[in-house]
Amino acid sequence: MYGNVVYVPRSVYANRDAMLAKHANLVAGHNGSIMWFHDKVSMASIPNRDCVSQQRNCKGDSSVSATSIGKVAVVKEGGGDAVALLGLIRLIDYLAQPSVFGRKQSLQIVVDSGTGTTAVGLALGALLLRLPWKVTGVMLADTVEEYKKHEARLLSDFKKLMMGDHEFDFDENSANLVQWVDRCLPRK
């Protein structure tokens, strides 16, 4: 049903960047280059910077197939990366269309929150679009203090990432965008 699934041990998964770099090297091949999407977006927001300087050359690996493609863009999982907030802001923009929820109607969004990134992105989108929407994150993995720290870090990283882009201007002290609540029933 799920195809060729390979379970990754926690010890390997804990160092996600190294794990992704290893796989990107395999795909890129001996003479390929790897671009981390986060670096590309960060560099694009800084005037007079050449994004090519951010490419990381691959170290050849004897197990690389002859069909490797040369250039590889690595997009990290959303769990904690400020770049992920861009897609969530776009989702909120879509949901605010008149044919969906509209911009004037109050809306309460409830999100299961592993890392909390989705809840923060949705709340940030509502803030930036000045919508009367509230986001509640149901905490699945940590304490309220840790979720609030993660929220503050994401907002700070996002502000740095989008520096100078007035479309994404907000008060960094807008922390606590998300109302964090405990899960009522334990996960099975």
N, C-alpha and C. Protein backbone atom coordinates (compact mmCIF):
# COMPACT_ATOMS: atom_id res chain seq x y z
N MET A 1 0.82 -1.20 0.00
CA MET A 1 0.00 0.00 0.00
C MET A 1 0.86 1.26 0.00
N TYR A 2 1.97 1.26 0.74
CA TYR A 2 2.80 2.46 0.86
C TYR A 2 4.05 2.40 0.00
N GLY A 3 4.19 1.40 -0.85
CA GLY A 3 5.36 1.32 -1.71
C GLY A 3 6.58 0.84 -0.96
N ASN A 4 7.72 1.29 -1.39
CA ASN A 4 9.00 0.88 -0.81
C ASN A 4 9.35 1.81 0.34
N VAL A 5 8.87 1.50 1.53
CA VAL A 5 9.09 2.34 2.70
C VAL A 5 10.34 1.86 3.43
N VAL A 6 11.21 2.80 3.75
CA VAL A 6 12.41 2.48 4.52
C VAL A 6 12.33 3.27 5.82
N TYR A 7 12.34 2.56 6.93
CA TYR A 7 12.30 3.23 8.21
C TYR A 7 13.71 3.65 8.61
N VAL A 8 13.83 4.89 9.04
CA VAL A 8 15.13 5.46 9.40
C VAL A 8 15.25 5.45 10.91
N PRO A 9 16.35 4.91 11.46
CA PRO A 9 16.53 4.91 12.91
C PRO A 9 16.56 6.34 13.47
N ARG A 10 16.09 6.51 14.69
CA ARG A 10 16.08 7.83 15.32
C ARG A 10 17.46 8.47 15.35
N SER A 11 18.49 7.65 15.55
CA SER A 11 19.85 8.19 15.64
C SER A 11 20.26 8.86 14.32
N VAL A 12 19.80 8.34 13.20
CA VAL A 12 20.11 8.93 11.89
C VAL A 12 19.20 10.13 11.65
N TYR A 13 17.90 9.96 11.96
CA TYR A 13 16.92 11.01 11.70
C TYR A 13 17.16 12.25 12.56
N ALA A 14 17.78 12.07 13.72
CA ALA A 14 18.04 13.19 14.62
C ALA A 14 18.92 14.25 13.97
N ASN A 15 19.80 13.84 13.07
CA ASN A 15 20.65 14.80 12.36
C ASN A 15 20.13 14.92 10.93
N ARG A 16 19.01 15.65 10.78
CA ARG A 16 18.31 15.73 9.50
C ARG A 16 19.16 16.34 8.39
N ASP A 17 19.92 17.39 8.72
CA ASP A 17 20.73 18.04 7.68
C ASP A 17 21.74 17.06 7.08
N ALA A 18 22.40 16.30 7.93
CA ALA A 18 23.38 15.32 7.43
C ALA A 18 22.67 14.24 6.61
N MET A 19 21.51 13.80 7.07
CA MET A 19 20.76 12.78 6.35
C MET A 19 20.34 13.29 4.97
N LEU A 20 19.80 14.51 4.92
CA LEU A 20 19.39 15.09 3.64
C LEU A 20 20.58 15.33 2.72
N ALA A 21 21.70 15.79 3.29
CA ALA A 21 22.91 16.03 2.49
C ALA A 21 23.40 14.73 1.86
N LYS A 22 23.36 13.64 2.62
CA LYS A 22 23.80 12.35 2.10
C LYS A 22 22.94 11.93 0.91
N HIS A 23 21.63 12.05 1.04
CA HIS A 23 20.74 11.67 -0.05
C HIS A 23 20.89 12.61 -1.24
N ALA A 24 21.05 13.90 -0.98
CA ALA A 24 21.24 14.86 -2.07
C ALA A 24 22.53 14.56 -2.84
N ASN A 25 23.58 14.17 -2.11
CA ASN A 25 24.84 13.80 -2.77
C ASN A 25 24.64 12.61 -3.69
N LEU A 26 23.86 11.64 -3.26
CA LEU A 26 23.60 10.47 -4.09
C LEU A 26 22.87 10.85 -5.37
N VAL A 27 21.93 11.76 -5.25
CA VAL A 27 21.13 12.17 -6.41
C VAL A 27 21.95 13.07 -7.35
N ALA A 28 22.75 13.98 -6.78
CA ALA A 28 23.49 14.96 -7.59
C ALA A 28 24.61 14.32 -8.39
N GLY A 29 25.23 13.31 -7.86
CA GLY A 29 26.31 12.67 -8.58
C GLY A 29 27.65 13.31 -8.30
N HIS A 30 28.69 12.81 -9.00
CA HIS A 30 30.07 13.22 -8.75
C HIS A 30 30.32 14.70 -9.02
N ASN A 31 29.79 15.23 -10.08
CA ASN A 31 30.06 16.62 -10.45
C ASN A 31 28.89 17.54 -10.19
N GLY A 32 27.91 17.06 -9.46
CA GLY A 32 26.71 17.85 -9.22
C GLY A 32 26.89 18.89 -8.14
N SER A 33 25.87 19.69 -7.97
CA SER A 33 25.89 20.69 -6.91
C SER A 33 24.56 20.65 -6.17
N ILE A 34 24.62 21.03 -4.92
CA ILE A 34 23.43 21.00 -4.07
C ILE A 34 23.12 22.42 -3.61
N MET A 35 21.86 22.82 -3.73
CA MET A 35 21.40 24.11 -3.24
C MET A 35 20.36 23.85 -2.15
N TRP A 36 20.62 24.35 -0.97
CA TRP A 36 19.64 24.25 0.11
C TRP A 36 18.64 25.38 -0.10
N PHE A 37 17.36 25.03 -0.22
CA PHE A 37 16.32 26.00 -0.53
C PHE A 37 16.33 27.17 0.45
N HIS A 38 16.55 26.89 1.73
CA HIS A 38 16.58 27.96 2.73
C HIS A 38 17.67 28.98 2.41
N ASP A 39 18.85 28.49 1.99
CA ASP A 39 19.94 29.40 1.61
C ASP A 39 19.55 30.25 0.41
N LYS A 40 18.91 29.64 -0.56
CA LYS A 40 18.51 30.33 -1.79
C LYS A 40 17.55 31.47 -1.45
N VAL A 41 16.55 31.18 -0.63
CA VAL A 41 15.58 32.21 -0.25
C VAL A 41 16.25 33.30 0.57
N SER A 42 17.12 32.90 1.50
CA SER A 42 17.82 33.89 2.33
C SER A 42 18.68 34.80 1.47
N MET A 43 19.41 34.23 0.54
CA MET A 43 20.31 35.03 -0.30
C MET A 43 19.52 35.90 -1.27
N ALA A 44 18.36 35.43 -1.72
CA ALA A 44 17.55 36.21 -2.66
C ALA A 44 17.01 37.47 -2.00
N SER A 45 16.88 37.45 -0.68
CA SER A 45 16.34 38.63 0.01
C SER A 45 17.43 39.65 0.34
N ILE A 46 18.69 39.33 0.05
CA ILE A 46 19.78 40.25 0.31
C ILE A 46 20.25 40.83 -1.02
N PRO A 47 20.15 42.16 -1.22
CA PRO A 47 20.54 42.75 -2.48
C PRO A 47 22.01 42.50 -2.82
N ASN A 48 22.31 42.40 -4.12
CA ASN A 48 23.68 42.28 -4.64
C ASN A 48 24.40 41.03 -4.17
N ARG A 49 23.68 39.96 -3.92
CA ARG A 49 24.32 38.69 -3.55
C ARG A 49 24.10 37.70 -4.67
N ASP A 50 25.11 36.95 -4.98
CA ASP A 50 25.01 35.92 -6.00
C ASP A 50 24.66 34.61 -5.33
N CYS A 51 23.46 34.11 -5.61
CA CYS A 51 23.00 32.88 -4.97
C CYS A 51 23.87 31.68 -5.34
N VAL A 52 24.55 31.76 -6.45
CA VAL A 52 25.38 30.63 -6.86
C VAL A 52 26.47 30.38 -5.82
N SER A 53 26.90 31.43 -5.12
CA SER A 53 27.94 31.25 -4.11
C SER A 53 27.46 30.36 -2.98
N GLN A 54 26.16 30.17 -2.86
CA GLN A 54 25.63 29.33 -1.80
C GLN A 54 25.56 27.86 -2.18
N GLN A 55 25.86 27.52 -3.44
CA GLN A 55 25.82 26.13 -3.84
C GLN A 55 26.92 25.37 -3.14
N ARG A 56 26.60 24.17 -2.73
CA ARG A 56 27.57 23.33 -2.04
C ARG A 56 27.94 22.21 -2.99
N ASN A 57 29.22 22.12 -3.33
CA ASN A 57 29.65 21.07 -4.24
C ASN A 57 29.55 19.71 -3.56
N CYS A 58 29.22 18.72 -4.37
CA CYS A 58 29.06 17.36 -3.86
C CYS A 58 30.39 16.65 -3.81
N LYS A 59 30.53 15.83 -2.84
CA LYS A 59 31.65 14.91 -2.79
C LYS A 59 31.18 13.65 -3.48
N GLY A 60 31.94 13.16 -4.42
CA GLY A 60 31.54 11.98 -5.17
C GLY A 60 31.31 10.79 -4.26
N ASP A 61 30.39 9.94 -4.63
CA ASP A 61 30.09 8.75 -3.87
C ASP A 61 30.04 7.59 -4.84
N SER A 62 30.71 6.49 -4.52
CA SER A 62 30.82 5.38 -5.45
C SER A 62 29.48 4.71 -5.73
N SER A 63 28.46 4.96 -4.89
CA SER A 63 27.18 4.32 -5.11
C SER A 63 26.24 5.17 -5.97
N VAL A 64 26.72 6.30 -6.50
CA VAL A 64 25.88 7.18 -7.31
C VAL A 64 25.59 6.51 -8.64
N SER A 65 24.34 6.57 -9.05
CA SER A 65 23.98 5.95 -10.33
C SER A 65 24.38 6.84 -11.49
N ALA A 66 24.46 6.26 -12.65
CA ALA A 66 24.84 7.01 -13.85
C ALA A 66 23.74 7.95 -14.28
N THR A 67 22.55 7.83 -13.71
CA THR A 67 21.43 8.67 -14.11
C THR A 67 21.28 9.90 -13.21
N SER A 68 22.27 10.19 -12.37
CA SER A 68 22.14 11.34 -11.47
C SER A 68 21.99 12.62 -12.28
N ILE A 69 21.28 13.60 -11.70
CA ILE A 69 20.88 14.77 -12.48
C ILE A 69 21.78 15.98 -12.35
N GLY A 70 22.70 16.01 -11.44
CA GLY A 70 23.66 17.12 -11.38
C GLY A 70 23.30 18.24 -10.43
N LYS A 71 22.14 18.89 -10.59
CA LYS A 71 21.74 19.97 -9.69
C LYS A 71 20.60 19.46 -8.82
N VAL A 72 20.73 19.71 -7.53
CA VAL A 72 19.72 19.23 -6.59
C VAL A 72 19.35 20.38 -5.65
N ALA A 73 18.05 20.59 -5.47
CA ALA A 73 17.57 21.56 -4.49
C ALA A 73 17.03 20.78 -3.30
N VAL A 74 17.52 21.08 -2.10
CA VAL A 74 17.08 20.38 -0.89
C VAL A 74 16.08 21.27 -0.16
N VAL A 75 14.89 20.74 0.05
CA VAL A 75 13.86 21.43 0.81
C VAL A 75 13.67 20.64 2.10
N LYS A 76 14.03 21.26 3.22
CA LYS A 76 13.90 20.58 4.50
C LYS A 76 12.42 20.44 4.86
N GLU A 77 12.14 19.45 5.71
CA GLU A 77 10.76 19.30 6.17
C GLU A 77 10.32 20.56 6.91
N GLY A 78 9.03 20.80 6.94
CA GLY A 78 8.51 22.02 7.53
C GLY A 78 8.75 22.17 9.01
N GLY A 79 8.90 21.09 9.70
CA GLY A 79 8.99 21.10 11.15
C GLY A 79 10.05 22.01 11.73
N GLY A 80 9.86 23.28 11.68
CA GLY A 80 10.76 24.19 12.35
C GLY A 80 11.52 25.12 11.45
N ASP A 81 11.28 25.12 10.17
CA ASP A 81 12.00 25.98 9.25
C ASP A 81 11.11 27.17 8.86
N ALA A 82 11.65 28.37 8.99
CA ALA A 82 10.88 29.58 8.69
C ALA A 82 10.43 29.65 7.24
N VAL A 83 11.14 28.98 6.33
CA VAL A 83 10.74 28.97 4.92
C VAL A 83 9.36 28.34 4.77
N ALA A 84 9.04 27.38 5.62
CA ALA A 84 7.74 26.70 5.55
C ALA A 84 6.59 27.68 5.77
N LEU A 85 6.85 28.77 6.47
CA LEU A 85 5.78 29.74 6.76
C LEU A 85 5.25 30.39 5.48
N LEU A 86 6.09 30.50 4.45
CA LEU A 86 5.64 31.11 3.19
C LEU A 86 4.45 30.35 2.59
N GLY A 87 4.53 29.03 2.57
CA GLY A 87 3.44 28.22 2.03
C GLY A 87 2.18 28.32 2.86
N LEU A 88 2.34 28.44 4.16
CA LEU A 88 1.17 28.54 5.04
C LEU A 88 0.50 29.91 4.90
N ILE A 89 1.29 30.94 4.68
CA ILE A 89 0.72 32.27 4.43
C ILE A 89 -0.07 32.25 3.12
N ARG A 90 0.49 31.55 2.14
CA ARG A 90 -0.22 31.43 0.85
C ARG A 90 -1.54 30.66 1.02
N LEU A 91 -1.52 29.63 1.85
CA LEU A 91 -2.74 28.87 2.13
C LEU A 91 -3.80 29.77 2.76
N ILE A 92 -3.40 30.59 3.73
CA ILE A 92 -4.34 31.51 4.37
C ILE A 92 -4.91 32.49 3.34
N ASP A 93 -4.06 32.99 2.45
CA ASP A 93 -4.52 33.89 1.38
C ASP A 93 -5.59 33.21 0.53
N TYR A 94 -5.38 31.94 0.21
CA TYR A 94 -6.36 31.19 -0.57
C TYR A 94 -7.66 31.04 0.23
N LEU A 95 -7.54 30.64 1.50
CA LEU A 95 -8.74 30.44 2.32
C LEU A 95 -9.54 31.72 2.54
N ALA A 96 -8.88 32.87 2.38
CA ALA A 96 -9.54 34.17 2.58
C ALA A 96 -10.30 34.63 1.33
N GLN A 97 -10.25 33.87 0.27
CA GLN A 97 -11.00 34.24 -0.94
C GLN A 97 -12.49 34.22 -0.64
N PRO A 98 -13.26 35.09 -1.30
CA PRO A 98 -14.70 35.15 -1.05
C PRO A 98 -15.42 33.81 -1.25
N SER A 99 -14.95 32.99 -2.16
CA SER A 99 -15.61 31.71 -2.43
C SER A 99 -15.27 30.64 -1.39
N VAL A 100 -14.33 30.94 -0.49
CA VAL A 100 -13.98 29.96 0.54
C VAL A 100 -14.53 30.49 1.88
N PHE A 101 -13.73 31.22 2.66
CA PHE A 101 -14.22 31.76 3.93
C PHE A 101 -14.43 33.27 3.89
N GLY A 102 -13.76 33.95 2.97
CA GLY A 102 -13.86 35.40 2.91
C GLY A 102 -12.96 36.07 3.94
N ARG A 103 -12.83 37.38 3.83
CA ARG A 103 -11.92 38.13 4.70
C ARG A 103 -12.60 38.73 5.93
N LYS A 104 -13.90 38.86 5.90
CA LYS A 104 -14.58 39.57 6.98
C LYS A 104 -15.11 38.65 8.07
N GLN A 105 -15.38 37.41 7.72
CA GLN A 105 -15.96 36.47 8.68
C GLN A 105 -14.92 35.99 9.68
N SER A 106 -15.29 36.01 10.96
CA SER A 106 -14.40 35.46 11.99
C SER A 106 -14.26 33.96 11.77
N LEU A 107 -13.08 33.45 12.08
CA LEU A 107 -12.83 32.03 11.89
C LEU A 107 -11.86 31.56 12.97
N GLN A 108 -12.14 30.40 13.54
CA GLN A 108 -11.25 29.78 14.52
C GLN A 108 -10.68 28.53 13.88
N ILE A 109 -9.35 28.48 13.73
CA ILE A 109 -8.68 27.33 13.12
C ILE A 109 -8.02 26.53 14.24
N VAL A 110 -8.28 25.23 14.27
CA VAL A 110 -7.69 24.34 15.27
C VAL A 110 -6.76 23.37 14.53
N VAL A 111 -5.50 23.27 15.01
CA VAL A 111 -4.48 22.48 14.33
C VAL A 111 -3.78 21.56 15.32
N ASP A 112 -3.70 20.26 14.98
CA ASP A 112 -2.81 19.37 15.74
C ASP A 112 -1.40 19.87 15.51
N SER A 113 -0.62 19.99 16.56
CA SER A 113 0.70 20.61 16.45
C SER A 113 1.81 19.71 16.97
N GLY A 114 2.57 19.16 16.02
CA GLY A 114 3.76 18.39 16.39
C GLY A 114 4.86 19.35 16.79
N THR A 115 5.37 20.09 15.82
CA THR A 115 6.38 21.11 16.13
C THR A 115 5.74 22.47 16.37
N GLY A 116 4.55 22.69 15.82
CA GLY A 116 3.88 23.97 15.96
C GLY A 116 4.06 24.88 14.76
N THR A 117 4.87 24.47 13.80
CA THR A 117 5.17 25.33 12.65
C THR A 117 3.92 25.64 11.83
N THR A 118 3.06 24.66 11.61
CA THR A 118 1.84 24.89 10.83
C THR A 118 0.95 25.92 11.52
N ALA A 119 0.75 25.77 12.81
CA ALA A 119 -0.10 26.71 13.56
C ALA A 119 0.49 28.13 13.50
N VAL A 120 1.79 28.25 13.66
CA VAL A 120 2.44 29.57 13.61
C VAL A 120 2.29 30.18 12.22
N GLY A 121 2.49 29.39 11.18
CA GLY A 121 2.36 29.90 9.81
C GLY A 121 0.96 30.36 9.49
N LEU A 122 -0.03 29.60 9.93
CA LEU A 122 -1.43 30.00 9.69
C LEU A 122 -1.75 31.29 10.45
N ALA A 123 -1.32 31.38 11.70
CA ALA A 123 -1.58 32.58 12.50
C ALA A 123 -0.85 33.80 11.92
N LEU A 124 0.38 33.59 11.45
CA LEU A 124 1.12 34.70 10.84
C LEU A 124 0.43 35.17 9.56
N GLY A 125 -0.06 34.23 8.76
CA GLY A 125 -0.80 34.60 7.56
C GLY A 125 -2.02 35.44 7.88
N ALA A 126 -2.77 35.03 8.91
CA ALA A 126 -3.96 35.80 9.32
C ALA A 126 -3.57 37.19 9.79
N LEU A 127 -2.45 37.29 10.52
CA LEU A 127 -1.97 38.60 10.99
C LEU A 127 -1.58 39.49 9.81
N LEU A 128 -0.78 38.96 8.89
CA LEU A 128 -0.29 39.75 7.77
C LEU A 128 -1.43 40.20 6.85
N LEU A 129 -2.45 39.35 6.71
CA LEU A 129 -3.58 39.70 5.84
C LEU A 129 -4.68 40.43 6.61
N ARG A 130 -4.41 40.72 7.88
CA ARG A 130 -5.34 41.45 8.75
C ARG A 130 -6.73 40.81 8.78
N LEU A 131 -6.73 39.50 8.99
CA LEU A 131 -7.98 38.75 9.04
C LEU A 131 -8.43 38.58 10.48
N PRO A 132 -9.73 38.54 10.73
CA PRO A 132 -10.23 38.35 12.10
C PRO A 132 -10.26 36.86 12.48
N TRP A 133 -9.15 36.20 12.24
CA TRP A 133 -9.05 34.77 12.46
C TRP A 133 -8.12 34.48 13.63
N LYS A 134 -8.41 33.43 14.35
CA LYS A 134 -7.58 32.98 15.48
C LYS A 134 -7.16 31.54 15.23
N VAL A 135 -5.97 31.22 15.70
CA VAL A 135 -5.44 29.86 15.53
C VAL A 135 -5.17 29.25 16.90
N THR A 136 -5.67 28.04 17.09
CA THR A 136 -5.41 27.27 18.30
C THR A 136 -4.58 26.06 17.91
N GLY A 137 -3.46 25.90 18.59
CA GLY A 137 -2.59 24.75 18.35
C GLY A 137 -2.76 23.74 19.48
N VAL A 138 -3.13 22.52 19.12
CA VAL A 138 -3.26 21.44 20.10
C VAL A 138 -1.89 20.79 20.25
N MET A 139 -1.29 20.97 21.41
CA MET A 139 0.10 20.53 21.64
C MET A 139 0.16 19.00 21.74
N LEU A 140 1.01 18.41 20.92
CA LEU A 140 1.15 16.96 20.89
C LEU A 140 2.48 16.49 21.46
N ALA A 141 3.48 17.37 21.51
CA ALA A 141 4.83 16.87 21.77
C ALA A 141 5.61 17.57 22.87
N ASP A 142 5.16 18.71 23.36
CA ASP A 142 6.01 19.45 24.30
C ASP A 142 5.17 20.28 25.25
N THR A 143 5.85 21.13 26.02
CA THR A 143 5.17 22.00 26.97
C THR A 143 4.79 23.31 26.29
N VAL A 144 3.89 24.04 26.91
CA VAL A 144 3.48 25.33 26.35
C VAL A 144 4.66 26.29 26.25
N GLU A 145 5.57 26.23 27.22
CA GLU A 145 6.74 27.11 27.20
C GLU A 145 7.60 26.83 25.96
N GLU A 146 7.79 25.55 25.65
CA GLU A 146 8.61 25.19 24.49
C GLU A 146 7.93 25.58 23.18
N TYR A 147 6.61 25.43 23.11
CA TYR A 147 5.88 25.85 21.90
C TYR A 147 6.00 27.36 21.71
N LYS A 148 5.91 28.11 22.80
CA LYS A 148 6.03 29.57 22.70
C LYS A 148 7.44 29.98 22.28
N LYS A 149 8.46 29.27 22.79
CA LYS A 149 9.84 29.56 22.37
C LYS A 149 10.01 29.28 20.88
N HIS A 150 9.45 28.17 20.43
CA HIS A 150 9.53 27.80 19.01
C HIS A 150 8.81 28.85 18.15
N GLU A 151 7.66 29.30 18.62
CA GLU A 151 6.91 30.34 17.90
C GLU A 151 7.74 31.61 17.78
N ALA A 152 8.34 32.05 18.88
CA ALA A 152 9.16 33.27 18.87
C ALA A 152 10.36 33.11 17.94
N ARG A 153 11.01 31.93 17.95
CA ARG A 153 12.17 31.69 17.08
C ARG A 153 11.75 31.70 15.61
N LEU A 154 10.62 31.05 15.29
CA LEU A 154 10.15 31.04 13.90
C LEU A 154 9.86 32.45 13.41
N LEU A 155 9.20 33.25 14.24
CA LEU A 155 8.88 34.63 13.84
C LEU A 155 10.15 35.45 13.65
N SER A 156 11.12 35.28 14.53
CA SER A 156 12.39 35.99 14.41
C SER A 156 13.13 35.56 13.14
N ASP A 157 13.20 34.24 12.89
CA ASP A 157 13.87 33.74 11.69
C ASP A 157 13.16 34.21 10.42
N PHE A 158 11.83 34.23 10.46
CA PHE A 158 11.07 34.67 9.30
C PHE A 158 11.32 36.15 9.02
N LYS A 159 11.37 36.94 10.07
CA LYS A 159 11.64 38.38 9.92
C LYS A 159 13.01 38.59 9.27
N LYS A 160 14.02 37.83 9.71
CA LYS A 160 15.36 37.92 9.10
C LYS A 160 15.34 37.47 7.66
N LEU A 161 14.63 36.39 7.39
CA LEU A 161 14.54 35.83 6.05
C LEU A 161 13.92 36.83 5.07
N MET A 162 12.92 37.55 5.52
CA MET A 162 12.18 38.46 4.66
C MET A 162 12.59 39.92 4.85
N MET A 163 13.77 40.15 5.45
CA MET A 163 14.17 41.52 5.75
C MET A 163 14.08 42.41 4.52
N GLY A 164 13.48 43.55 4.71
CA GLY A 164 13.34 44.52 3.64
C GLY A 164 12.10 44.31 2.78
N ASP A 165 11.42 43.19 2.92
CA ASP A 165 10.21 42.94 2.14
C ASP A 165 9.02 43.43 2.96
N HIS A 166 8.49 44.60 2.59
CA HIS A 166 7.44 45.24 3.40
C HIS A 166 6.12 44.48 3.37
N GLU A 167 5.95 43.62 2.38
CA GLU A 167 4.73 42.81 2.33
C GLU A 167 4.66 41.88 3.54
N PHE A 168 5.83 41.50 4.06
CA PHE A 168 5.89 40.59 5.19
C PHE A 168 6.32 41.31 6.47
N ASP A 169 5.99 42.57 6.60
CA ASP A 169 6.39 43.35 7.76
C ASP A 169 5.39 43.14 8.89
N PHE A 170 5.89 42.83 10.06
CA PHE A 170 5.05 42.67 11.24
C PHE A 170 5.88 42.96 12.46
N ASP A 171 5.21 43.22 13.56
CA ASP A 171 5.89 43.49 14.82
C ASP A 171 6.35 42.16 15.42
N GLU A 172 7.65 42.02 15.56
CA GLU A 172 8.21 40.77 16.07
C GLU A 172 7.71 40.48 17.49
N ASN A 173 7.26 41.51 18.17
CA ASN A 173 6.72 41.33 19.52
C ASN A 173 5.29 40.78 19.47
N SER A 174 4.83 40.43 18.27
CA SER A 174 3.51 39.84 18.11
C SER A 174 3.52 38.38 18.52
N ALA A 175 4.51 37.99 19.30
CA ALA A 175 4.58 36.60 19.74
C ALA A 175 3.27 36.24 20.40
N ASN A 176 3.08 34.97 20.60
CA ASN A 176 1.82 34.46 21.14
C ASN A 176 0.67 34.67 20.16
N LEU A 177 0.98 34.51 18.88
CA LEU A 177 -0.07 34.56 17.86
C LEU A 177 -1.01 33.37 18.01
N VAL A 178 -0.45 32.25 18.45
CA VAL A 178 -1.20 31.01 18.55
C VAL A 178 -1.64 30.80 20.00
N GLN A 179 -2.87 30.34 20.16
CA GLN A 179 -3.33 29.94 21.49
C GLN A 179 -2.99 28.46 21.61
N TRP A 180 -2.06 28.13 22.49
CA TRP A 180 -1.61 26.74 22.66
C TRP A 180 -2.45 26.08 23.73
N VAL A 181 -2.98 24.90 23.43
CA VAL A 181 -3.80 24.16 24.39
C VAL A 181 -3.31 22.71 24.48
N ASP A 182 -3.53 22.10 25.65
CA ASP A 182 -3.19 20.69 25.84
C ASP A 182 -4.18 19.81 25.10
N ARG A 183 -3.71 18.65 24.71
CA ARG A 183 -4.56 17.65 24.09
C ARG A 183 -5.46 17.06 25.17
N CYS A 184 -6.74 16.96 24.90
CA CYS A 184 -7.70 16.44 25.88
C CYS A 184 -7.50 14.96 26.15
N LEU A 185 -7.29 14.18 25.10
CA LEU A 185 -7.12 12.73 25.24
C LEU A 185 -5.73 12.35 24.76
N PRO A 186 -5.08 11.42 25.43
CA PRO A 186 -3.74 11.01 24.98
C PRO A 186 -3.80 10.31 23.63
N ARG A 187 -2.70 10.40 22.87
CA ARG A 187 -2.61 9.70 21.59
C ARG A 187 -2.50 8.21 21.86
N LYS A 188 -3.03 7.42 20.94
CA LYS A 188 -2.95 5.96 21.08
C LYS A 188 -1.68 5.45 20.47
